[in-house]
PDB file of N, CA and C in Angstrom:
ATOM      1  N   PRO A   1      49.036  11.099  18.881  1.00  0.00           N
ATOM      2  CA  PRO A   1      49.500  12.442  19.198  1.00  0.00           C
ATOM      3  C   PRO A   1      49.199  13.392  18.053  1.00  0.00           C
ATOM      4  N   ALA A   2      49.052  14.621  18.402  1.00  0.00           N
ATOM      5  CA  ALA A   2      48.724  15.652  17.418  1.00  0.00           C
ATOM      6  C   ALA A   2      49.898  15.877  16.483  1.00  0.00           C
ATOM      7  N   GLY A   3      49.604  16.130  15.230  1.00  0.00           N
ATOM      8  CA  GLY A   3      50.622  16.418  14.252  1.00  0.00           C
ATOM      9  C   GLY A   3      51.200  15.209  13.551  1.00  0.00           C
ATOM     10  N   GLU A   4      50.924  14.014  14.004  1.00  0.00           N
ATOM     11  CA  GLU A   4      51.459  12.806  13.358  1.00  0.00           C
ATOM     12  C   GLU A   4      50.452  12.272  12.355  1.00  0.00           C
ATOM     13  N   ALA A   5      50.971  11.716  11.279  1.00  0.00           N
ATOM     14  CA  ALA A   5      50.106  11.128  10.250  1.00  0.00           C
ATOM     15  C   ALA A   5      49.511   9.825  10.781  1.00  0.00           C
ATOM     16  N   PRO A   6      48.262   9.541  10.421  1.00  0.00           N
ATOM     17  CA  PRO A   6      47.661   8.285  10.883  1.00  0.00           C
ATOM     18  C   PRO A   6      48.397   7.087  10.266  1.00  0.00           C
ATOM     19  N   LEU A   7      48.437   6.009  11.010  1.00  0.00           N
ATOM     20  CA  LEU A   7      49.080   4.786  10.523  1.00  0.00           C
ATOM     21  C   LEU A   7      48.220   4.147   9.439  1.00  0.00           C
ATOM     22  N   SER A   8      48.875   3.638   8.411  1.00  0.00           N
ATOM     23  CA  SER A   8      48.106   2.944   7.382  1.00  0.00           C
ATOM     24  C   SER A   8      48.063   1.456   7.742  1.00  0.00           C
ATOM     25  N   VAL A   9      46.964   0.850   7.439  1.00  0.00           N
ATOM     26  CA  VAL A   9      46.755  -0.559   7.755  1.00  0.00           C
ATOM     27  C   VAL A   9      46.450  -1.295   6.463  1.00  0.00           C
ATOM     28  N   ALA A  10      47.115  -2.428   6.277  1.00  0.00           N
ATOM     29  CA  ALA A  10      46.835  -3.273   5.109  1.00  0.00           C
ATOM     30  C   ALA A  10      46.077  -4.497   5.593  1.00  0.00           C
ATOM     31  N   GLU A  11      45.063  -4.857   4.858  1.00  0.00           N
ATOM     32  CA  GLU A  11      44.267  -6.036   5.216  1.00  0.00           C
ATOM     33  C   GLU A  11      44.211  -6.956   4.014  1.00  0.00           C
ATOM     34  N   THR A  12      44.492  -8.233   4.271  1.00  0.00           N
ATOM     35  CA  THR A  12      44.443  -9.236   3.212  1.00  0.00           C
ATOM     36  C   THR A  12      43.466 -10.319   3.613  1.00  0.00           C
ATOM     37  N   VAL A  13      42.576 -10.671   2.735  1.00  0.00           N
ATOM     38  CA  VAL A  13      41.592 -11.719   2.993  1.00  0.00           C
ATOM     39  C   VAL A  13      41.834 -12.846   2.002  1.00  0.00           C
ATOM     40  N   LEU A  14      42.014 -14.050   2.534  1.00  0.00           N
ATOM     41  CA  LEU A  14      42.242 -15.227   1.700  1.00  0.00           C
ATOM     42  C   LEU A  14      41.172 -16.266   1.979  1.00  0.00           C
ATOM     43  N   ASP A  15      40.697 -16.896   0.928  1.00  0.00           N
ATOM     44  CA  ASP A  15      39.774 -18.009   1.111  1.00  0.00           C
ATOM     45  C   ASP A  15      40.587 -19.264   1.401  1.00  0.00           C
ATOM     46  N   LEU A  16      40.249 -19.959   2.458  1.00  0.00           N
ATOM     47  CA  LEU A  16      40.919 -21.196   2.805  1.00  0.00           C
ATOM     48  C   LEU A  16      40.069 -22.370   2.364  1.00  0.00           C
ATOM     49  N   GLY A  17      40.728 -23.444   2.021  1.00  0.00           N
ATOM     50  CA  GLY A  17      40.003 -24.657   1.659  1.00  0.00           C
ATOM     51  C   GLY A  17      39.348 -25.258   2.888  1.00  0.00           C
ATOM     52  N   PRO A  18      38.566 -26.303   2.696  1.00  0.00           N
ATOM     53  CA  PRO A  18      37.902 -26.929   3.839  1.00  0.00           C
ATOM     54  C   PRO A  18      38.926 -27.533   4.797  1.00  0.00           C
ATOM     55  N   LEU A  19      38.629 -27.468   6.061  1.00  0.00           N
ATOM     56  CA  LEU A  19      39.512 -27.982   7.097  1.00  0.00           C
ATOM     57  C   LEU A  19      38.749 -29.014   7.906  1.00  0.00           C
ATOM     58  N   SER A  20      39.286 -30.218   7.959  1.00  0.00           N
ATOM     59  CA  SER A  20      38.614 -31.230   8.759  1.00  0.00           C
ATOM     60  C   SER A  20      39.442 -31.477  10.014  1.00  0.00           C
ATOM     61  N   VAL A  21      38.787 -31.454  11.145  1.00  0.00           N
ATOM     62  CA  VAL A  21      39.435 -31.656  12.431  1.00  0.00           C
ATOM     63  C   VAL A  21      38.787 -32.863  13.080  1.00  0.00           C
ATOM     64  N   CYS A  22      39.620 -33.735  13.574  1.00  0.00           N
ATOM     65  CA  CYS A  22      39.071 -34.911  14.249  1.00  0.00           C
ATOM     66  C   CYS A  22      39.842 -35.144  15.540  1.00  0.00           C
ATOM     67  N   ALA A  23      39.186 -35.734  16.490  1.00  0.00           N
ATOM     68  CA  ALA A  23      39.829 -36.063  17.755  1.00  0.00           C
ATOM     69  C   ALA A  23      40.733 -37.270  17.554  1.00  0.00           C
ATOM     70  N   CYS A  24      41.887 -37.232  18.159  1.00  0.00           N
ATOM     71  CA  CYS A  24      42.815 -38.355  18.038  1.00  0.00           C
ATOM     72  C   CYS A  24      42.267 -39.518  18.869  1.00  0.00           C
ATOM     73  N   PRO A  25      42.138 -40.699  18.275  1.00  0.00           N
ATOM     74  CA  PRO A  25      41.556 -41.832  18.993  1.00  0.00           C
ATOM     75  C   PRO A  25      42.470 -42.442  20.050  1.00  0.00           C
ATOM     76  N   VAL A  26      43.763 -42.147  19.987  1.00  0.00           N
ATOM     77  CA  VAL A  26      44.705 -42.708  20.958  1.00  0.00           C
ATOM     78  C   VAL A  26      45.518 -41.559  21.557  1.00  0.00           C
ATOM     79  N   SER A  27      45.548 -41.491  22.888  1.00  0.00           N
ATOM     80  CA  SER A  27      46.371 -40.466  23.531  1.00  0.00           C
ATOM     81  C   SER A  27      47.755 -41.048  23.815  1.00  0.00           C
ATOM     82  N   VAL A  28      48.751 -40.186  23.744  1.00  0.00           N
ATOM     83  CA  VAL A  28      50.146 -40.596  23.908  1.00  0.00           C
ATOM     84  C   VAL A  28      50.790 -39.704  24.960  1.00  0.00           C
ATOM     85  N   ALA A  29      51.479 -40.322  25.920  1.00  0.00           N
ATOM     86  CA  ALA A  29      52.227 -39.570  26.926  1.00  0.00           C
ATOM     87  C   ALA A  29      53.633 -40.150  26.995  1.00  0.00           C
ATOM     88  N   LEU A  30      54.624 -39.296  26.827  1.00  0.00           N
ATOM     89  CA  LEU A  30      56.022 -39.716  26.862  1.00  0.00           C
ATOM     90  C   LEU A  30      56.668 -39.112  28.099  1.00  0.00           C
ATOM     91  N   THR A  31      57.291 -39.949  28.918  1.00  0.00           N
ATOM     92  CA  THR A  31      57.978 -39.485  30.117  1.00  0.00           C
ATOM     93  C   THR A  31      59.464 -39.757  29.948  1.00  0.00           C
ATOM     94  N   VAL A  32      60.248 -38.691  29.995  1.00  0.00           N
ATOM     95  CA  VAL A  32      61.704 -38.809  29.824  1.00  0.00           C
ATOM     96  C   VAL A  32      62.390 -38.073  30.970  1.00  0.00           C
ATOM     97  N   PRO A  33      63.588 -38.517  31.327  1.00  0.00           N
ATOM     98  CA  PRO A  33      64.317 -37.795  32.376  1.00  0.00           C
ATOM     99  C   PRO A  33      64.762 -36.425  31.862  1.00  0.00           C
ATOM    100  N   SER A  34      64.841 -35.450  32.761  1.00  0.00           N
ATOM    101  CA  SER A  34      65.271 -34.114  32.343  1.00  0.00           C
ATOM    102  C   SER A  34      66.773 -34.076  32.067  1.00  0.00           C
ATOM    103  N   SER A  35      67.515 -34.996  32.675  1.00  0.00           N
ATOM    104  CA  SER A  35      68.949 -35.090  32.404  1.00  0.00           C
ATOM    105  C   SER A  35      69.405 -36.508  32.733  1.00  0.00           C
ATOM    106  N   ALA A  36      70.579 -36.846  32.230  1.00  0.00           N
ATOM    107  CA  ALA A  36      71.154 -38.163  32.498  1.00  0.00           C
ATOM    108  C   ALA A  36      72.671 -38.024  32.480  1.00  0.00           C
ATOM    109  N   ARG A  37      73.346 -38.953  33.146  1.00  0.00           N
ATOM    110  CA  ARG A  37      74.804 -38.927  33.193  1.00  0.00           C
ATOM    111  C   ARG A  37      75.370 -40.097  32.410  1.00  0.00           C
ATOM    112  N   VAL A  38      76.504 -39.875  31.776  1.00  0.00           N
ATOM    113  CA  VAL A  38      77.166 -40.921  31.001  1.00  0.00           C
ATOM    114  C   VAL A  38      77.413 -42.130  31.902  1.00  0.00           C
ATOM    115  N   GLY A  39      77.015 -43.298  31.391  1.00  0.00           N
ATOM    116  CA  GLY A  39      77.246 -44.545  32.113  1.00  0.00           C
ATOM    117  C   GLY A  39      76.206 -44.881  33.165  1.00  0.00           C
ATOM    118  N   HIS A  40      75.234 -44.000  33.397  1.00  0.00           N
ATOM    119  CA  HIS A  40      74.178 -44.263  34.386  1.00  0.00           C
ATOM    120  C   HIS A  40      72.852 -44.469  33.661  1.00  0.00           C
ATOM    121  N   PRO A  41      72.195 -45.605  33.906  1.00  0.00           N
ATOM    122  CA  PRO A  41      70.951 -45.886  33.175  1.00  0.00           C
ATOM    123  C   PRO A  41      69.839 -44.886  33.488  1.00  0.00           C
ATOM    124  N   ALA A  42      69.012 -44.658  32.504  1.00  0.00           N
ATOM    125  CA  ALA A  42      67.837 -43.799  32.635  1.00  0.00           C
ATOM    126  C   ALA A  42      66.665 -44.539  32.011  1.00  0.00           C
ATOM    127  N   GLU A  43      65.451 -44.169  32.405  1.00  0.00           N
ATOM    128  CA  GLU A  43      64.265 -44.841  31.871  1.00  0.00           C
ATOM    129  C   GLU A  43      63.395 -43.857  31.103  1.00  0.00           C
ATOM    130  N   LEU A  44      62.860 -44.331  30.002  1.00  0.00           N
ATOM    131  CA  LEU A  44      61.921 -43.584  29.182  1.00  0.00           C
ATOM    132  C   LEU A  44      60.646 -44.421  29.151  1.00  0.00           C
ATOM    133  N   SER A  45      59.495 -43.805  29.354  1.00  0.00           N
ATOM    134  CA  SER A  45      58.251 -44.577  29.268  1.00  0.00           C
ATOM    135  C   SER A  45      57.277 -43.899  28.305  1.00  0.00           C
ATOM    136  N   LEU A  46      56.544 -44.724  27.607  1.00  0.00           N
ATOM    137  CA  LEU A  46      55.562 -44.283  26.625  1.00  0.00           C
ATOM    138  C   LEU A  46      54.232 -44.914  26.992  1.00  0.00           C
ATOM    139  N   ALA A  47      53.235 -44.079  27.289  1.00  0.00           N
ATOM    140  CA  ALA A  47      51.903 -44.574  27.643  1.00  0.00           C
ATOM    141  C   ALA A  47      50.936 -44.258  26.503  1.00  0.00           C
ATOM    142  N   LEU A  48      50.174 -45.248  26.081  1.00  0.00           N
ATOM    143  CA  LEU A  48      49.170 -45.100  25.019  1.00  0.00           C
ATOM    144  C   LEU A  48      47.819 -45.504  25.576  1.00  0.00           C
ATOM    145  N   GLU A  49      46.785 -44.728  25.253  1.00  0.00           N
ATOM    146  CA  GLU A  49      45.447 -45.040  25.744  1.00  0.00           C
ATOM    147  C   GLU A  49      44.434 -44.905  24.609  1.00  0.00           C
ATOM    148  N   ASN A  50      43.621 -45.940  24.444  1.00  0.00           N
ATOM    149  CA  ASN A  50      42.596 -45.963  23.410  1.00  0.00           C
ATOM    150  C   ASN A  50      41.332 -45.295  23.950  1.00  0.00           C
ATOM    151  N   ALA A  51      40.948 -44.191  23.334  1.00  0.00           N
ATOM    152  CA  ALA A  51      39.771 -43.436  23.771  1.00  0.00           C
ATOM    153  C   ALA A  51      38.538 -43.746  22.931  1.00  0.00           C
ATOM    154  N   THR A  52      38.565 -44.849  22.179  1.00  0.00           N
ATOM    155  CA  THR A  52      37.447 -45.175  21.301  1.00  0.00           C
ATOM    156  C   THR A  52      36.778 -46.482  21.736  1.00  0.00           C
ATOM    157  N   PRO A  53      35.601 -46.765  21.197  1.00  0.00           N
ATOM    158  CA  PRO A  53      34.924 -48.025  21.518  1.00  0.00           C
ATOM    159  C   PRO A  53      35.348 -49.183  20.603  1.00  0.00           C
ATOM    160  N   VAL A  54      36.404 -48.997  19.799  1.00  0.00           N
ATOM    161  CA  VAL A  54      36.865 -50.054  18.899  1.00  0.00           C
ATOM    162  C   VAL A  54      38.354 -50.329  19.118  1.00  0.00           C
ATOM    163  N   MET A  55      38.785 -51.519  18.706  1.00  0.00           N
ATOM    164  CA  MET A  55      40.193 -51.904  18.797  1.00  0.00           C
ATOM    165  C   MET A  55      41.041 -50.972  17.929  1.00  0.00           C
ATOM    166  N   GLN A  56      42.201 -50.556  18.441  1.00  0.00           N
ATOM    167  CA  GLN A  56      43.124 -49.706  17.694  1.00  0.00           C
ATOM    168  C   GLN A  56      44.484 -50.395  17.638  1.00  0.00           C
ATOM    169  N   GLU A  57      45.190 -50.235  16.519  1.00  0.00           N
ATOM    170  CA  GLU A  57      46.546 -50.757  16.374  1.00  0.00           C
ATOM    171  C   GLU A  57      47.506 -49.584  16.231  1.00  0.00           C
ATOM    172  N   VAL A  58      48.577 -49.618  17.003  1.00  0.00           N
ATOM    173  CA  VAL A  58      49.580 -48.561  16.961  1.00  0.00           C
ATOM    174  C   VAL A  58      50.946 -49.199  16.731  1.00  0.00           C
ATOM    175  N   ALA A  59      51.643 -48.738  15.700  1.00  0.00           N
ATOM    176  CA  ALA A  59      53.005 -49.183  15.437  1.00  0.00           C
ATOM    177  C   ALA A  59      53.954 -48.183  16.094  1.00  0.00           C
ATOM    178  N   VAL A  60      54.823 -48.677  16.976  1.00  0.00           N
ATOM    179  CA  VAL A  60      55.778 -47.834  17.692  1.00  0.00           C
ATOM    180  C   VAL A  60      57.179 -48.257  17.281  1.00  0.00           C
ATOM    181  N   SER A  61      58.024 -47.271  16.953  1.00  0.00           N
ATOM    182  CA  SER A  61      59.403 -47.615  16.587  1.00  0.00           C
ATOM    183  C   SER A  61      60.368 -46.525  17.025  1.00  0.00           C
ATOM    184  N   PHE A  62      61.574 -46.946  17.358  1.00  0.00           N
ATOM    185  CA  PHE A  62      62.674 -46.054  17.693  1.00  0.00           C
ATOM    186  C   PHE A  62      63.740 -46.216  16.633  1.00  0.00           C
ATOM    187  N   THR A  63      64.418 -45.128  16.321  1.00  0.00           N
ATOM    188  CA  THR A  63      65.534 -45.156  15.385  1.00  0.00           C
ATOM    189  C   THR A  63      66.823 -45.178  16.199  1.00  0.00           C
ATOM    190  N   ASP A  64      67.835 -45.872  15.688  1.00  0.00           N
ATOM    191  CA  ASP A  64      69.125 -45.921  16.390  1.00  0.00           C
ATOM    192  C   ASP A  64      69.678 -44.528  16.608  1.00  0.00           C
ATOM    193  N   ASN A  65      70.444 -44.410  17.697  1.00  0.00           N
ATOM    194  CA  ASN A  65      71.045 -43.145  18.064  1.00  0.00           C
ATOM    195  C   ASN A  65      72.400 -43.456  18.688  1.00  0.00           C
ATOM    196  N   GLU A  66      73.455 -42.837  18.206  1.00  0.00           N
ATOM    197  CA  GLU A  66      74.794 -43.161  18.711  1.00  0.00           C
ATOM    198  C   GLU A  66      75.072 -42.595  20.093  1.00  0.00           C
ATOM    199  N   ALA A  67      74.191 -41.746  20.619  1.00  0.00           N
ATOM    200  CA  ALA A  67      74.408 -41.145  21.928  1.00  0.00           C
ATOM    201  C   ALA A  67      73.942 -42.036  23.076  1.00  0.00           C
ATOM    202  N   PHE A  68      73.122 -43.062  22.774  1.00  0.00           N
ATOM    203  CA  PHE A  68      72.551 -43.917  23.817  1.00  0.00           C
ATOM    204  C   PHE A  68      72.617 -45.377  23.416  1.00  0.00           C
ATOM    205  N   LEU A  69      72.845 -46.231  24.411  1.00  0.00           N
ATOM    206  CA  LEU A  69      72.552 -47.650  24.245  1.00  0.00           C
ATOM    207  C   LEU A  69      71.102 -47.796  24.655  1.00  0.00           C
ATOM    208  N   PHE A  70      70.382 -48.666  24.018  1.00  0.00           N
ATOM    209  CA  PHE A  70      68.932 -48.725  24.131  1.00  0.00           C
ATOM    210  C   PHE A  70      68.507 -50.150  24.475  1.00  0.00           C
ATOM    211  N   SER A  71      67.601 -50.314  25.429  1.00  0.00           N
ATOM    212  CA  SER A  71      67.046 -51.647  25.694  1.00  0.00           C
ATOM    213  C   SER A  71      65.527 -51.569  25.620  1.00  0.00           C
ATOM    214  N   GLY A  72      64.948 -52.523  24.951  1.00  0.00           N
ATOM    215  CA  GLY A  72      63.509 -52.560  24.734  1.00  0.00           C
ATOM    216  C   GLY A  72      63.246 -52.830  23.266  1.00  0.00           C
ATOM    217  N   TYR A  73      61.986 -53.049  22.924  1.00  0.00           N
ATOM    218  CA  TYR A  73      61.628 -53.317  21.528  1.00  0.00           C
ATOM    219  C   TYR A  73      61.839 -52.068  20.688  1.00  0.00           C
ATOM    220  N   LYS A  74      62.631 -52.177  19.643  1.00  0.00           N
ATOM    221  CA  LYS A  74      62.846 -51.032  18.758  1.00  0.00           C
ATOM    222  C   LYS A  74      61.661 -50.814  17.836  1.00  0.00           C
ATOM    223  N   ALA A  75      60.914 -51.862  17.566  1.00  0.00           N
ATOM    224  CA  ALA A  75      59.703 -51.749  16.743  1.00  0.00           C
ATOM    225  C   ALA A  75      58.693 -52.763  17.255  1.00  0.00           C
ATOM    226  N   THR A  76      57.477 -52.302  17.475  1.00  0.00           N
ATOM    227  CA  THR A  76      56.428 -53.202  17.955  1.00  0.00           C
ATOM    228  C   THR A  76      55.063 -52.718  17.467  1.00  0.00           C
ATOM    229  N   LEU A  77      54.142 -53.632  17.383  1.00  0.00           N
ATOM    230  CA  LEU A  77      52.762 -53.309  17.009  1.00  0.00           C
ATOM    231  C   LEU A  77      51.883 -53.626  18.206  1.00  0.00           C
ATOM    232  N   LEU A  78      51.186 -52.618  18.712  1.00  0.00           N
ATOM    233  CA  LEU A  78      50.319 -52.791  19.872  1.00  0.00           C
ATOM    234  C   LEU A  78      48.874 -52.811  19.435  1.00  0.00           C
ATOM    235  N   ARG A  79      48.109 -53.685  20.036  1.00  0.00           N
ATOM    236  CA  ARG A  79      46.656 -53.694  19.847  1.00  0.00           C
ATOM    237  C   ARG A  79      46.043 -53.233  21.158  1.00  0.00           C
ATOM    238  N   LEU A  80      45.312 -52.134  21.074  1.00  0.00           N
ATOM    239  CA  LEU A  80      44.695 -51.562  22.262  1.00  0.00           C
ATOM    240  C   LEU A  80      43.190 -51.789  22.220  1.00  0.00           C
ATOM    241  N   ALA A  81      42.692 -52.507  23.208  1.00  0.00           N
ATOM    242  CA  ALA A  81      41.250 -52.733  23.320  1.00  0.00           C
ATOM    243  C   ALA A  81      40.567 -51.406  23.666  1.00  0.00           C
ATOM    244  N   PRO A  82      39.262 -51.315  23.462  1.00  0.00           N
ATOM    245  CA  PRO A  82      38.548 -50.078  23.802  1.00  0.00           C
ATOM    246  C   PRO A  82      38.792 -49.672  25.257  1.00  0.00           C
ATOM    247  N   GLY A  83      39.208 -48.437  25.455  1.00  0.00           N
ATOM    248  CA  GLY A  83      39.455 -47.922  26.793  1.00  0.00           C
ATOM    249  C   GLY A  83      40.747 -48.409  27.440  1.00  0.00           C
ATOM    250  N   ALA A  84      41.516 -49.247  26.759  1.00  0.00           N
ATOM    251  CA  ALA A  84      42.726 -49.826  27.342  1.00  0.00           C
ATOM    252  C   ALA A  84      43.880 -48.837  27.354  1.00  0.00           C
ATOM    253  N   ARG A  85      44.769 -49.029  28.309  1.00  0.00           N
ATOM    254  CA  ARG A  85      45.989 -48.229  28.439  1.00  0.00           C
ATOM    255  C   ARG A  85      47.179 -49.186  28.491  1.00  0.00           C
ATOM    256  N   LYS A  86      48.209 -48.876  27.748  1.00  0.00           N
ATOM    257  CA  LYS A  86      49.414 -49.714  27.702  1.00  0.00           C
ATOM    258  C   LYS A  86      50.616 -48.817  27.916  1.00  0.00           C
ATOM    259  N   GLU A  87      51.526 -49.249  28.782  1.00  0.00           N
ATOM    260  CA  GLU A  87      52.738 -48.482  29.017  1.00  0.00           C
ATOM    261  C   GLU A  87      53.947 -49.310  28.605  1.00  0.00           C
ATOM    262  N   LEU A  88      54.797 -48.702  27.807  1.00  0.00           N
ATOM    263  CA  LEU A  88      56.037 -49.334  27.373  1.00  0.00           C
ATOM    264  C   LEU A  88      57.189 -48.629  28.083  1.00  0.00           C
ATOM    265  N   ARG A  89      58.119 -49.414  28.609  1.00  0.00           N
ATOM    266  CA  ARG A  89      59.272 -48.840  29.303  1.00  0.00           C
ATOM    267  C   ARG A  89      60.542 -49.234  28.568  1.00  0.00           C
ATOM    268  N   TYR A  90      61.435 -48.269  28.432  1.00  0.00           N
ATOM    269  CA  TYR A  90      62.690 -48.479  27.728  1.00  0.00           C
ATOM    270  C   TYR A  90      63.846 -48.023  28.599  1.00  0.00           C
ATOM    271  N   GLY A  91      64.948 -48.760  28.526  1.00  0.00           N
ATOM    272  CA  GLY A  91      66.153 -48.374  29.230  1.00  0.00           C
ATOM    273  C   GLY A  91      67.090 -47.644  28.288  1.00  0.00           C
ATOM    274  N   LEU A  92      67.641 -46.543  28.768  1.00  0.00           N
ATOM    275  CA  LEU A  92      68.609 -45.765  27.994  1.00  0.00           C
ATOM    276  C   LEU A  92      69.890 -45.659  28.804  1.00  0.00           C
ATOM    277  N   LEU A  93      71.018 -45.846  28.147  1.00  0.00           N
ATOM    278  CA  LEU A  93      72.307 -45.683  28.796  1.00  0.00           C
ATOM    279  C   LEU A  93      73.097 -44.658  27.977  1.00  0.00           C
ATOM    280  N   PRO A  94      73.248 -43.433  28.507  1.00  0.00           N
ATOM    281  CA  PRO A  94      73.993 -42.418  27.767  1.00  0.00           C
ATOM    282  C   PRO A  94      75.462 -42.834  27.613  1.00  0.00           C
ATOM    283  N   VAL A  95      75.988 -42.698  26.401  1.00  0.00           N
ATOM    284  CA  VAL A  95      77.389 -43.032  26.147  1.00  0.00           C
ATOM    285  C   VAL A  95      78.184 -41.828  25.639  1.00  0.00           C
ATOM    286  N   LEU A  96      77.510 -40.719  25.367  1.00  0.00           N
ATOM    287  CA  LEU A  96      78.173 -39.482  24.951  1.00  0.00           C
ATOM    288  C   LEU A  96      77.836 -38.370  25.938  1.00  0.00           C
ATOM    289  N   ALA A  97      78.809 -37.528  26.219  1.00  0.00           N
ATOM    290  CA  ALA A  97      78.588 -36.396  27.120  1.00  0.00           C
ATOM    291  C   ALA A  97      78.056 -35.201  26.335  1.00  0.00           C
ATOM    292  N   GLY A  98      77.452 -34.275  27.049  1.00  0.00           N
ATOM    293  CA  GLY A  98      76.953 -33.047  26.434  1.00  0.00           C
ATOM    294  C   GLY A  98      75.469 -33.137  26.137  1.00  0.00           C
ATOM    295  N   HIS A  99      74.962 -32.112  25.469  1.00  0.00           N
ATOM    296  CA  HIS A  99      73.545 -32.085  25.086  1.00  0.00           C
ATOM    297  C   HIS A  99      73.373 -32.946  23.840  1.00  0.00           C
ATOM    298  N   VAL A 100      72.645 -34.031  23.984  1.00  0.00           N
ATOM    299  CA  VAL A 100      72.422 -34.942  22.859  1.00  0.00           C
ATOM    300  C   VAL A 100      70.935 -35.216  22.717  1.00  0.00           C
ATOM    301  N   ALA A 101      70.515 -35.554  21.513  1.00  0.00           N
ATOM    302  CA  ALA A 101      69.104 -35.840  21.246  1.00  0.00           C
ATOM    303  C   ALA A 101      68.779 -37.268  21.654  1.00  0.00           C
ATOM    304  N   LEU A 102      67.567 -37.455  22.132  1.00  0.00           N
ATOM    305  CA  LEU A 102      67.081 -38.801  22.433  1.00  0.00           C
ATOM    306  C   LEU A 102      66.887 -39.574  21.138  1.00  0.00           C
ATOM    307  N   PRO A 103      66.841 -40.894  21.222  1.00  0.00           N
ATOM    308  CA  PRO A 103      66.548 -41.669  20.015  1.00  0.00           C
ATOM    309  C   PRO A 103      65.182 -41.258  19.457  1.00  0.00           C
ATOM    310  N   PRO A 104      65.094 -40.980  18.152  1.00  0.00           N
ATOM    311  CA  PRO A 104      63.804 -40.580  17.571  1.00  0.00           C
ATOM    312  C   PRO A 104      62.739 -41.669  17.738  1.00  0.00           C
ATOM    313  N   LEU A 105      61.551 -41.247  18.139  1.00  0.00           N
ATOM    314  CA  LEU A 105      60.405 -42.137  18.370  1.00  0.00           C
ATOM    315  C   LEU A 105      59.342 -41.842  17.333  1.00  0.00           C
ATOM    316  N   GLN A 106      58.706 -42.898  16.836  1.00  0.00           N
ATOM    317  CA  GLN A 106      57.591 -42.722  15.914  1.00  0.00           C
ATOM    318  C   GLN A 106      56.454 -43.634  16.364  1.00  0.00           C
ATOM    319  N   ALA A 107      55.258 -43.062  16.506  1.00  0.00           N
ATOM    320  CA  ALA A 107      54.062 -43.832  16.830  1.00  0.00           C
ATOM    321  C   ALA A 107      53.043 -43.543  15.735  1.00  0.00           C
ATOM    322  N   VAL A 108      52.587 -44.601  15.053  1.00  0.00           N
ATOM    323  CA  VAL A 108      51.654 -44.440  13.936  1.00  0.00           C
ATOM    324  C   VAL A 108      50.425 -45.292  14.200  1.00  0.00           C
ATOM    325  N   LEU A 109      49.265 -44.649  14.174  1.00  0.00           N
ATOM    326  CA  LEU A 109      48.001 -45.343  14.321  1.00  0.00           C
ATOM    327  C   LEU A 109      47.698 -46.032  13.001  1.00  0.00           C
ATOM    328  N   ARG A 110      47.586 -47.344  13.023  1.00  0.00           N
ATOM    329  CA  ARG A 110      47.335 -48.083  11.788  1.00  0.00           C
ATOM    330  C   ARG A 110      45.857 -48.025  11.461  1.00  0.00           C
ATOM    331  N   ALA A 111      45.593 -47.654  10.237  1.00  0.00           N
ATOM    332  CA  ALA A 111      44.208 -47.519   9.762  1.00  0.00           C
ATOM    333  C   ALA A 111      43.757 -48.824   9.128  1.00  0.00           C
ATOM    334  N   PRO A 112      42.466 -48.992   8.922  1.00  0.00           N
ATOM    335  CA  PRO A 112      41.969 -50.168   8.217  1.00  0.00           C
ATOM    336  C   PRO A 112      42.590 -50.266   6.816  1.00  0.00           C
ATOM    337  N   ALA A 113      42.597 -51.444   6.259  1.00  0.00           N
ATOM    338  CA  ALA A 113      43.198 -51.685   4.933  1.00  0.00           C
ATOM    339  C   ALA A 113      42.693 -50.662   3.928  1.00  0.00           C
ATOM    340  N   GLY A 114      43.623 -50.101   3.154  1.00  0.00           N
ATOM    341  CA  GLY A 114      43.261 -49.147   2.125  1.00  0.00           C
ATOM    342  C   GLY A 114      43.280 -47.703   2.559  1.00  0.00           C
ATOM    343  N   ALA A 115      43.369 -47.466   3.874  1.00  0.00           N
ATOM    344  CA  ALA A 115      43.411 -46.088   4.370  1.00  0.00           C
ATOM    345  C   ALA A 115      44.798 -45.785   4.900  1.00  0.00           C
ATOM    346  N   GLY A 116      45.175 -44.536   4.938  1.00  0.00           N
ATOM    347  CA  GLY A 116      46.489 -44.154   5.426  1.00  0.00           C
ATOM    348  C   GLY A 116      46.524 -44.144   6.953  1.00  0.00           C
ATOM    349  N   GLY A 117      47.703 -44.281   7.524  1.00  0.00           N
ATOM    350  CA  GLY A 117      47.855 -44.236   8.972  1.00  0.00           C
ATOM    351  C   GLY A 117      47.902 -42.799   9.460  1.00  0.00           C
ATOM    352  N   VAL A 118      47.858 -42.623  10.780  1.00  0.00           N
ATOM    353  CA  VAL A 118      47.909 -41.307  11.404  1.00  0.00           C
ATOM    354  C   VAL A 118      49.095 -41.286  12.349  1.00  0.00           C
ATOM    355  N   ARG A 119      49.979 -40.297  12.163  1.00  0.00           N
ATOM    356  CA  ARG A 119      51.101 -40.151  13.084  1.00  0.00           C
ATOM    357  C   ARG A 119      50.613 -39.533  14.364  1.00  0.00           C
ATOM    358  N   LEU A 120      51.012 -40.119  15.494  1.00  0.00           N
ATOM    359  CA  LEU A 120      50.586 -39.596  16.797  1.00  0.00           C
ATOM    360  C   LEU A 120      51.636 -38.689  17.370  1.00  0.00           C
TER     361      LEU A 120
END
């Protein structure tokens, strides 16, 4: 509009270090119920698929949670053949009412000896 001072613009340019991007060799899909009732079992499933031509190892673990009773392996190491898909199913029994967090899940792609793992 006429009569107004032009807006001032500040521009900052920063040099960024090198960025390496790689495709994740294992895809992960987690299926959880949208809600659950105290005392009624619910199922959680975790599907892992190896998208590479080599064997992959994935360490999967759940941390205890006082809001749910949990059935299934709390920690396991899976070996996925090239192109293989593995589905893990877990039973959850809510014991606390209200909005509660699910048991924390961690899936780590194990790297060859001497290299660090990758969290999925």
